[in-house]
Amino acid sequence: MNKTYLLLGSNLNNPAKQLKIARELIKKELGPIGRQSAVYSTAAWGKHDQPDFQNQVLIIETKQSPQETMQTLLAIESKMGRVRQQKNDPRIIDLDILFYNKCILNEPLVTLPHPHIANRRFVLVPLNELSPNLIHPVHQKTIHQLLRVCKDTLPVNKM
């Protein structure tokens, strides 16, 4: 089994409900959820003229490879009605792989760890809740250390 950290986000069509649907589909199609962070309300990153997001980090165990996991997440997004138009647009659901074991991978479909973890408080805050001492395999710093030096100042509030 592969320990995988996922980030869930939504800011359309009742985000709390969308996160719940995503968790159920992830359990069904990828594997059991071991732990989950609280849900956080976060200002939109990159494109500010939209509703706030609700974000959550899950730790799952999956038998799937990183590529299969990414394909499954994309299929779940599609099943839930996500349509990709412009970068950073509002979305019904956004599912990302943050970490997959200690894997470092750079392929067209998936980059691991997720390349923007260290720059985004909406990722680091729920990650820090679950695994503050997890060492980022590229930066060689703990999640807690990355959060302390993160330059992102957008608010991230536990719901």
N, C-alpha and C. Protein backbone atom coordinates (compact mmCIF):
# COMPACT_ATOMS: atom_id res chain seq x y z
N MET A 1 0.84 -1.19 0.00
CA MET A 1 0.00 0.00 0.00
C MET A 1 0.88 1.25 0.00
N ASN A 2 0.39 2.28 -0.64
CA ASN A 2 1.14 3.52 -0.81
C ASN A 2 0.47 4.65 -0.04
N LYS A 3 1.22 5.25 0.88
CA LYS A 3 0.71 6.37 1.67
C LYS A 3 0.70 7.60 0.79
N THR A 4 -0.48 8.17 0.61
CA THR A 4 -0.68 9.26 -0.33
C THR A 4 -1.44 10.39 0.36
N TYR A 5 -0.91 11.60 0.22
CA TYR A 5 -1.56 12.79 0.74
C TYR A 5 -2.27 13.47 -0.42
N LEU A 6 -3.56 13.75 -0.22
CA LEU A 6 -4.38 14.41 -1.24
C LEU A 6 -4.90 15.73 -0.72
N LEU A 7 -5.03 16.70 -1.61
CA LEU A 7 -5.67 17.97 -1.28
C LEU A 7 -6.99 18.04 -2.03
N LEU A 8 -8.06 18.33 -1.30
CA LEU A 8 -9.38 18.52 -1.89
C LEU A 8 -9.74 19.99 -1.76
N GLY A 9 -10.36 20.56 -2.79
CA GLY A 9 -10.80 21.93 -2.74
C GLY A 9 -12.05 22.15 -3.56
N SER A 10 -12.90 23.07 -3.09
CA SER A 10 -14.13 23.41 -3.82
C SER A 10 -14.56 24.81 -3.44
N ASN A 11 -15.11 25.55 -4.42
CA ASN A 11 -15.72 26.84 -4.08
C ASN A 11 -17.02 27.09 -4.86
N LEU A 12 -17.62 26.02 -5.36
CA LEU A 12 -18.90 26.13 -6.09
C LEU A 12 -19.89 25.06 -5.62
N ASN A 13 -21.17 25.36 -5.77
CA ASN A 13 -22.26 24.38 -5.57
C ASN A 13 -22.18 23.67 -4.22
N ASN A 14 -22.18 24.44 -3.13
CA ASN A 14 -22.15 23.89 -1.78
C ASN A 14 -20.84 23.12 -1.56
N PRO A 15 -19.72 23.84 -1.36
CA PRO A 15 -18.42 23.20 -1.24
C PRO A 15 -18.34 22.09 -0.19
N ALA A 16 -19.00 22.24 0.95
CA ALA A 16 -18.95 21.19 1.97
C ALA A 16 -19.52 19.88 1.42
N LYS A 17 -20.61 19.99 0.68
CA LYS A 17 -21.22 18.81 0.08
C LYS A 17 -20.29 18.21 -0.98
N GLN A 18 -19.64 19.06 -1.77
CA GLN A 18 -18.73 18.56 -2.81
C GLN A 18 -17.54 17.82 -2.20
N LEU A 19 -17.01 18.34 -1.09
CA LEU A 19 -15.90 17.64 -0.42
C LEU A 19 -16.35 16.28 0.11
N LYS A 20 -17.56 16.23 0.64
CA LYS A 20 -18.09 14.95 1.15
C LYS A 20 -18.24 13.94 0.01
N ILE A 21 -18.79 14.37 -1.11
CA ILE A 21 -18.93 13.48 -2.27
C ILE A 21 -17.55 13.00 -2.72
N ALA A 22 -16.59 13.91 -2.80
CA ALA A 22 -15.23 13.54 -3.23
C ALA A 22 -14.62 12.52 -2.28
N ARG A 23 -14.78 12.71 -0.96
CA ARG A 23 -14.23 11.74 0.00
C ARG A 23 -14.82 10.36 -0.21
N GLU A 24 -16.12 10.30 -0.46
CA GLU A 24 -16.77 9.00 -0.68
C GLU A 24 -16.24 8.33 -1.95
N LEU A 25 -16.10 9.11 -3.02
CA LEU A 25 -15.58 8.55 -4.27
C LEU A 25 -14.12 8.12 -4.13
N ILE A 26 -13.34 8.88 -3.40
CA ILE A 26 -11.93 8.52 -3.16
C ILE A 26 -11.86 7.20 -2.40
N LYS A 27 -12.67 7.06 -1.36
CA LYS A 27 -12.68 5.79 -0.60
C LYS A 27 -13.05 4.62 -1.50
N LYS A 28 -14.03 4.83 -2.34
CA LYS A 28 -14.53 3.76 -3.22
C LYS A 28 -13.53 3.40 -4.32
N GLU A 29 -12.89 4.42 -4.90
CA GLU A 29 -12.10 4.19 -6.11
C GLU A 29 -10.58 4.15 -5.90
N LEU A 30 -10.11 4.67 -4.76
CA LEU A 30 -8.66 4.70 -4.52
C LEU A 30 -8.24 3.86 -3.32
N GLY A 31 -8.96 3.99 -2.22
CA GLY A 31 -8.58 3.25 -1.03
C GLY A 31 -9.03 3.98 0.22
N PRO A 32 -8.84 3.34 1.36
CA PRO A 32 -9.35 3.90 2.61
C PRO A 32 -8.65 5.20 3.02
N ILE A 33 -9.44 6.05 3.67
CA ILE A 33 -8.90 7.28 4.23
C ILE A 33 -8.39 6.95 5.62
N GLY A 34 -7.10 7.15 5.83
CA GLY A 34 -6.52 6.89 7.14
C GLY A 34 -6.79 8.03 8.10
N ARG A 35 -6.51 9.24 7.64
CA ARG A 35 -6.72 10.44 8.45
C ARG A 35 -7.16 11.57 7.53
N GLN A 36 -7.84 12.55 8.13
CA GLN A 36 -8.25 13.72 7.37
C GLN A 36 -8.14 14.95 8.25
N SER A 37 -7.72 16.05 7.64
CA SER A 37 -7.63 17.32 8.37
C SER A 37 -9.03 17.88 8.55
N ALA A 38 -9.09 18.93 9.35
CA ALA A 38 -10.30 19.74 9.39
C ALA A 38 -10.49 20.36 8.01
N VAL A 39 -11.65 20.92 7.78
CA VAL A 39 -11.90 21.67 6.55
C VAL A 39 -11.57 23.13 6.86
N TYR A 40 -10.89 23.76 5.92
CA TYR A 40 -10.46 25.15 6.08
C TYR A 40 -11.09 26.02 5.02
N SER A 41 -11.49 27.21 5.43
CA SER A 41 -11.96 28.23 4.49
C SER A 41 -10.74 29.04 4.09
N THR A 42 -10.54 29.16 2.78
CA THR A 42 -9.34 29.83 2.29
C THR A 42 -9.69 30.78 1.16
N ALA A 43 -9.04 31.91 1.18
CA ALA A 43 -9.21 32.86 0.07
C ALA A 43 -8.69 32.22 -1.21
N ALA A 44 -9.32 32.56 -2.31
CA ALA A 44 -8.89 32.03 -3.61
C ALA A 44 -7.47 32.48 -3.90
N TRP A 45 -6.68 31.56 -4.41
CA TRP A 45 -5.26 31.82 -4.69
C TRP A 45 -5.10 32.05 -6.19
N GLY A 46 -4.43 33.11 -6.57
CA GLY A 46 -4.14 33.34 -7.98
C GLY A 46 -5.16 34.17 -8.72
N LYS A 47 -6.42 33.97 -8.40
CA LYS A 47 -7.51 34.72 -9.05
C LYS A 47 -8.51 35.05 -7.95
N HIS A 48 -8.50 36.29 -7.48
CA HIS A 48 -9.18 36.65 -6.23
C HIS A 48 -10.67 36.99 -6.38
N ASP A 49 -11.16 37.21 -7.58
CA ASP A 49 -12.54 37.64 -7.77
C ASP A 49 -13.48 36.44 -7.87
N GLN A 50 -13.48 35.62 -6.82
CA GLN A 50 -14.32 34.43 -6.78
C GLN A 50 -14.57 34.06 -5.32
N PRO A 51 -15.52 33.16 -5.07
CA PRO A 51 -15.80 32.77 -3.68
C PRO A 51 -14.60 32.08 -3.04
N ASP A 52 -14.55 32.15 -1.70
CA ASP A 52 -13.52 31.43 -0.95
C ASP A 52 -13.66 29.94 -1.19
N PHE A 53 -12.55 29.24 -1.01
CA PHE A 53 -12.52 27.78 -1.14
C PHE A 53 -12.69 27.12 0.21
N GLN A 54 -13.14 25.90 0.17
CA GLN A 54 -13.02 25.00 1.31
C GLN A 54 -12.00 23.96 0.89
N ASN A 55 -10.99 23.76 1.74
CA ASN A 55 -9.91 22.82 1.46
C ASN A 55 -9.74 21.83 2.59
N GLN A 56 -9.25 20.66 2.23
CA GLN A 56 -9.00 19.61 3.21
C GLN A 56 -7.91 18.69 2.69
N VAL A 57 -7.08 18.17 3.59
CA VAL A 57 -6.06 17.20 3.23
C VAL A 57 -6.48 15.84 3.77
N LEU A 58 -6.33 14.81 2.94
CA LEU A 58 -6.58 13.42 3.32
C LEU A 58 -5.29 12.64 3.22
N ILE A 59 -5.14 11.66 4.10
CA ILE A 59 -4.07 10.67 3.95
C ILE A 59 -4.78 9.36 3.63
N ILE A 60 -4.45 8.80 2.48
CA ILE A 60 -5.08 7.55 2.06
C ILE A 60 -4.01 6.49 1.85
N GLU A 61 -4.46 5.27 1.77
CA GLU A 61 -3.63 4.12 1.39
C GLU A 61 -4.19 3.60 0.07
N THR A 62 -3.35 3.52 -0.93
CA THR A 62 -3.81 3.04 -2.23
C THR A 62 -2.85 2.02 -2.81
N LYS A 63 -3.39 1.12 -3.60
CA LYS A 63 -2.57 0.15 -4.34
C LYS A 63 -2.16 0.71 -5.69
N GLN A 64 -2.80 1.81 -6.10
CA GLN A 64 -2.54 2.38 -7.41
C GLN A 64 -1.18 3.08 -7.47
N SER A 65 -0.60 3.10 -8.67
CA SER A 65 0.64 3.83 -8.92
C SER A 65 0.33 5.33 -8.89
N PRO A 66 1.36 6.20 -8.86
CA PRO A 66 1.08 7.64 -8.92
C PRO A 66 0.28 8.03 -10.17
N GLN A 67 0.64 7.45 -11.31
CA GLN A 67 -0.05 7.78 -12.55
C GLN A 67 -1.51 7.31 -12.51
N GLU A 68 -1.73 6.09 -12.01
CA GLU A 68 -3.11 5.58 -11.89
C GLU A 68 -3.90 6.42 -10.90
N THR A 69 -3.26 6.82 -9.81
CA THR A 69 -3.93 7.66 -8.81
C THR A 69 -4.36 8.98 -9.43
N MET A 70 -3.48 9.60 -10.21
CA MET A 70 -3.82 10.87 -10.86
C MET A 70 -4.96 10.67 -11.85
N GLN A 71 -4.92 9.61 -12.63
CA GLN A 71 -6.01 9.32 -13.58
C GLN A 71 -7.33 9.13 -12.85
N THR A 72 -7.29 8.44 -11.71
CA THR A 72 -8.51 8.23 -10.93
C THR A 72 -9.03 9.55 -10.40
N LEU A 73 -8.16 10.42 -9.90
CA LEU A 73 -8.59 11.72 -9.39
C LEU A 73 -9.20 12.57 -10.50
N LEU A 74 -8.59 12.55 -11.67
CA LEU A 74 -9.15 13.29 -12.81
C LEU A 74 -10.52 12.74 -13.20
N ALA A 75 -10.68 11.43 -13.14
CA ALA A 75 -11.98 10.81 -13.46
C ALA A 75 -13.03 11.20 -12.42
N ILE A 76 -12.64 11.26 -11.14
CA ILE A 76 -13.57 11.69 -10.09
C ILE A 76 -13.98 13.14 -10.33
N GLU A 77 -13.02 14.00 -10.64
CA GLU A 77 -13.35 15.41 -10.94
C GLU A 77 -14.35 15.49 -12.08
N SER A 78 -14.11 14.74 -13.12
CA SER A 78 -15.01 14.74 -14.28
C SER A 78 -16.40 14.24 -13.90
N LYS A 79 -16.43 13.14 -13.15
CA LYS A 79 -17.71 12.57 -12.70
C LYS A 79 -18.49 13.57 -11.86
N MET A 80 -17.78 14.40 -11.11
CA MET A 80 -18.44 15.39 -10.25
C MET A 80 -18.82 16.66 -11.02
N GLY A 81 -18.45 16.75 -12.29
CA GLY A 81 -18.87 17.88 -13.11
C GLY A 81 -17.84 18.96 -13.31
N ARG A 82 -16.59 18.70 -12.96
CA ARG A 82 -15.57 19.73 -13.19
C ARG A 82 -15.30 19.88 -14.67
N VAL A 83 -15.27 21.13 -15.11
CA VAL A 83 -14.90 21.46 -16.48
C VAL A 83 -13.73 22.43 -16.38
N ARG A 84 -12.62 22.07 -17.01
CA ARG A 84 -11.42 22.92 -16.99
C ARG A 84 -11.50 23.91 -18.14
N GLN A 85 -11.50 25.21 -17.77
CA GLN A 85 -11.51 26.25 -18.80
C GLN A 85 -10.27 27.11 -18.67
N GLN A 86 -10.20 27.94 -17.63
CA GLN A 86 -9.03 28.78 -17.43
C GLN A 86 -8.38 28.44 -16.10
N LYS A 87 -7.06 28.60 -16.04
CA LYS A 87 -6.31 28.34 -14.82
C LYS A 87 -6.85 29.21 -13.68
N ASN A 88 -6.99 28.60 -12.52
CA ASN A 88 -7.43 29.26 -11.28
C ASN A 88 -8.89 29.74 -11.32
N ASP A 89 -9.69 29.21 -12.24
CA ASP A 89 -11.12 29.51 -12.25
C ASP A 89 -11.79 28.88 -11.03
N PRO A 90 -12.99 29.37 -10.67
CA PRO A 90 -13.77 28.68 -9.64
C PRO A 90 -14.02 27.24 -10.09
N ARG A 91 -14.18 26.34 -9.12
CA ARG A 91 -14.39 24.93 -9.51
C ARG A 91 -15.21 24.19 -8.48
N ILE A 92 -15.96 23.24 -9.02
CA ILE A 92 -16.81 22.40 -8.19
C ILE A 92 -15.95 21.48 -7.33
N ILE A 93 -14.83 21.02 -7.88
CA ILE A 93 -13.91 20.15 -7.13
C ILE A 93 -12.53 20.24 -7.77
N ASP A 94 -11.53 20.19 -6.91
CA ASP A 94 -10.14 20.15 -7.36
C ASP A 94 -9.44 19.11 -6.48
N LEU A 95 -8.83 18.12 -7.10
CA LEU A 95 -8.17 17.03 -6.37
C LEU A 95 -6.72 16.96 -6.82
N ASP A 96 -5.81 17.04 -5.86
CA ASP A 96 -4.38 17.01 -6.16
C ASP A 96 -3.66 16.00 -5.29
N ILE A 97 -2.65 15.37 -5.85
CA ILE A 97 -1.73 14.54 -5.07
C ILE A 97 -0.66 15.48 -4.53
N LEU A 98 -0.49 15.50 -3.21
CA LEU A 98 0.58 16.30 -2.61
C LEU A 98 1.85 15.47 -2.48
N PHE A 99 1.72 14.33 -1.82
CA PHE A 99 2.84 13.39 -1.64
C PHE A 99 2.36 11.99 -1.94
N TYR A 100 3.26 11.19 -2.46
CA TYR A 100 3.00 9.77 -2.70
C TYR A 100 4.23 9.04 -2.17
N ASN A 101 4.09 8.42 -0.99
CA ASN A 101 5.25 7.89 -0.27
C ASN A 101 6.30 9.00 -0.22
N LYS A 102 7.54 8.67 -0.55
CA LYS A 102 8.60 9.69 -0.62
C LYS A 102 9.02 9.92 -2.06
N CYS A 103 8.10 9.62 -2.96
CA CYS A 103 8.36 9.65 -4.39
C CYS A 103 8.68 11.06 -4.90
N ILE A 104 9.69 11.14 -5.74
CA ILE A 104 10.00 12.35 -6.49
C ILE A 104 9.85 11.98 -7.96
N LEU A 105 8.95 12.66 -8.65
CA LEU A 105 8.58 12.29 -10.01
C LEU A 105 8.23 13.55 -10.79
N ASN A 106 8.66 13.61 -12.03
CA ASN A 106 8.31 14.75 -12.87
C ASN A 106 7.92 14.21 -14.25
N GLU A 107 6.62 14.03 -14.43
CA GLU A 107 6.08 13.52 -15.69
C GLU A 107 4.98 14.45 -16.16
N PRO A 108 4.59 14.36 -17.42
CA PRO A 108 3.53 15.26 -17.92
C PRO A 108 2.22 15.15 -17.12
N LEU A 109 1.85 13.96 -16.69
CA LEU A 109 0.59 13.78 -15.98
C LEU A 109 0.69 14.14 -14.50
N VAL A 110 1.82 13.88 -13.88
CA VAL A 110 1.93 14.08 -12.43
C VAL A 110 3.36 14.46 -12.04
N THR A 111 3.44 15.48 -11.18
CA THR A 111 4.71 15.90 -10.59
C THR A 111 4.59 15.69 -9.09
N LEU A 112 5.57 14.97 -8.52
CA LEU A 112 5.56 14.67 -7.09
C LEU A 112 6.90 15.01 -6.48
N PRO A 113 6.85 15.54 -5.25
CA PRO A 113 5.66 16.07 -4.61
C PRO A 113 5.07 17.22 -5.44
N HIS A 114 3.84 17.59 -5.09
CA HIS A 114 3.20 18.68 -5.81
C HIS A 114 4.13 19.90 -5.77
N PRO A 115 4.38 20.53 -6.91
CA PRO A 115 5.41 21.57 -6.97
C PRO A 115 5.12 22.85 -6.19
N HIS A 116 3.89 23.08 -5.75
CA HIS A 116 3.56 24.36 -5.11
C HIS A 116 3.27 24.25 -3.62
N ILE A 117 3.53 23.10 -3.02
CA ILE A 117 3.24 22.90 -1.59
C ILE A 117 3.85 24.01 -0.74
N ALA A 118 5.12 24.28 -0.93
CA ALA A 118 5.84 25.20 -0.05
C ALA A 118 5.38 26.65 -0.18
N ASN A 119 4.64 26.98 -1.23
CA ASN A 119 4.24 28.37 -1.49
C ASN A 119 2.79 28.68 -1.12
N ARG A 120 2.06 27.72 -0.61
CA ARG A 120 0.62 27.92 -0.41
C ARG A 120 0.18 27.53 0.98
N ARG A 121 -0.26 28.54 1.74
CA ARG A 121 -0.72 28.29 3.12
C ARG A 121 -1.94 27.37 3.15
N PHE A 122 -2.81 27.46 2.14
CA PHE A 122 -4.00 26.62 2.15
C PHE A 122 -3.66 25.14 2.03
N VAL A 123 -2.45 24.83 1.61
CA VAL A 123 -1.95 23.45 1.58
C VAL A 123 -1.20 23.15 2.87
N LEU A 124 -0.33 24.06 3.26
CA LEU A 124 0.54 23.81 4.42
C LEU A 124 -0.21 23.75 5.75
N VAL A 125 -1.23 24.57 5.93
CA VAL A 125 -1.94 24.58 7.21
C VAL A 125 -2.61 23.23 7.50
N PRO A 126 -3.42 22.68 6.58
CA PRO A 126 -4.00 21.36 6.89
C PRO A 126 -2.95 20.25 6.91
N LEU A 127 -1.91 20.36 6.10
CA LEU A 127 -0.81 19.38 6.16
C LEU A 127 -0.14 19.42 7.52
N ASN A 128 0.08 20.63 8.04
CA ASN A 128 0.71 20.79 9.34
C ASN A 128 -0.15 20.21 10.46
N GLU A 129 -1.46 20.31 10.30
CA GLU A 129 -2.37 19.71 11.29
C GLU A 129 -2.15 18.19 11.37
N LEU A 130 -1.98 17.56 10.21
CA LEU A 130 -1.87 16.09 10.16
C LEU A 130 -0.45 15.59 10.39
N SER A 131 0.53 16.24 9.78
CA SER A 131 1.89 15.70 9.76
C SER A 131 2.93 16.82 9.81
N PRO A 132 3.03 17.53 10.94
CA PRO A 132 3.97 18.65 11.01
C PRO A 132 5.43 18.25 10.83
N ASN A 133 5.76 17.01 11.16
CA ASN A 133 7.15 16.56 11.08
C ASN A 133 7.47 15.81 9.79
N LEU A 134 6.51 15.74 8.88
CA LEU A 134 6.76 15.11 7.58
C LEU A 134 7.82 15.92 6.84
N ILE A 135 8.82 15.25 6.33
CA ILE A 135 9.90 15.94 5.62
C ILE A 135 9.59 15.95 4.13
N HIS A 136 9.58 17.14 3.57
CA HIS A 136 9.39 17.31 2.14
C HIS A 136 10.63 16.76 1.44
N PRO A 137 10.47 15.77 0.56
CA PRO A 137 11.64 15.10 -0.01
C PRO A 137 12.50 15.96 -0.95
N VAL A 138 11.98 17.06 -1.43
CA VAL A 138 12.76 17.96 -2.29
C VAL A 138 13.40 19.06 -1.45
N HIS A 139 12.61 19.73 -0.62
CA HIS A 139 13.10 20.86 0.17
C HIS A 139 13.90 20.42 1.40
N GLN A 140 13.72 19.17 1.81
CA GLN A 140 14.39 18.62 3.00
C GLN A 140 14.12 19.46 4.25
N LYS A 141 12.87 19.91 4.37
CA LYS A 141 12.39 20.61 5.55
C LYS A 141 11.06 19.99 5.96
N THR A 142 10.73 20.10 7.24
CA THR A 142 9.43 19.59 7.69
C THR A 142 8.32 20.52 7.20
N ILE A 143 7.11 20.00 7.23
CA ILE A 143 5.95 20.81 6.86
C ILE A 143 5.86 22.01 7.79
N HIS A 144 6.11 21.80 9.07
CA HIS A 144 6.06 22.90 10.03
C HIS A 144 7.09 23.98 9.69
N GLN A 145 8.30 23.59 9.31
CA GLN A 145 9.32 24.55 8.92
C GLN A 145 8.90 25.31 7.66
N LEU A 146 8.35 24.60 6.69
CA LEU A 146 7.89 25.25 5.46
C LEU A 146 6.78 26.25 5.74
N LEU A 147 5.86 25.90 6.64
CA LEU A 147 4.77 26.80 6.99
C LEU A 147 5.30 28.07 7.65
N ARG A 148 6.28 27.93 8.52
CA ARG A 148 6.84 29.09 9.23
C ARG A 148 7.48 30.10 8.29
N VAL A 149 8.02 29.65 7.15
CA VAL A 149 8.71 30.57 6.24
C VAL A 149 7.90 30.87 4.97
N CYS A 150 6.69 30.33 4.88
CA CYS A 150 5.85 30.55 3.70
C CYS A 150 5.50 32.04 3.57
N LYS A 151 5.69 32.57 2.38
CA LYS A 151 5.44 34.00 2.13
C LYS A 151 3.98 34.30 1.78
N ASP A 152 3.18 33.29 1.54
CA ASP A 152 1.75 33.45 1.24
C ASP A 152 1.06 34.01 2.49
N THR A 153 0.34 35.11 2.33
CA THR A 153 -0.34 35.73 3.47
C THR A 153 -1.86 35.61 3.40
N LEU A 154 -2.38 34.85 2.44
CA LEU A 154 -3.83 34.72 2.35
C LEU A 154 -4.37 33.98 3.57
N PRO A 155 -5.55 34.41 4.07
CA PRO A 155 -6.10 33.79 5.28
C PRO A 155 -6.53 32.34 5.05
N VAL A 156 -6.27 31.51 6.04
CA VAL A 156 -6.68 30.11 6.06
C VAL A 156 -7.30 29.87 7.42
N ASN A 157 -8.62 29.62 7.46
CA ASN A 157 -9.34 29.52 8.74
C ASN A 157 -10.05 28.19 8.88
N LYS A 158 -9.82 27.55 10.02
CA LYS A 158 -10.50 26.28 10.30
C LYS A 158 -11.98 26.53 10.41
N MET A 159 -12.78 25.66 9.79
CA MET A 159 -14.23 25.82 9.82
C MET A 159 -14.81 25.14 11.04
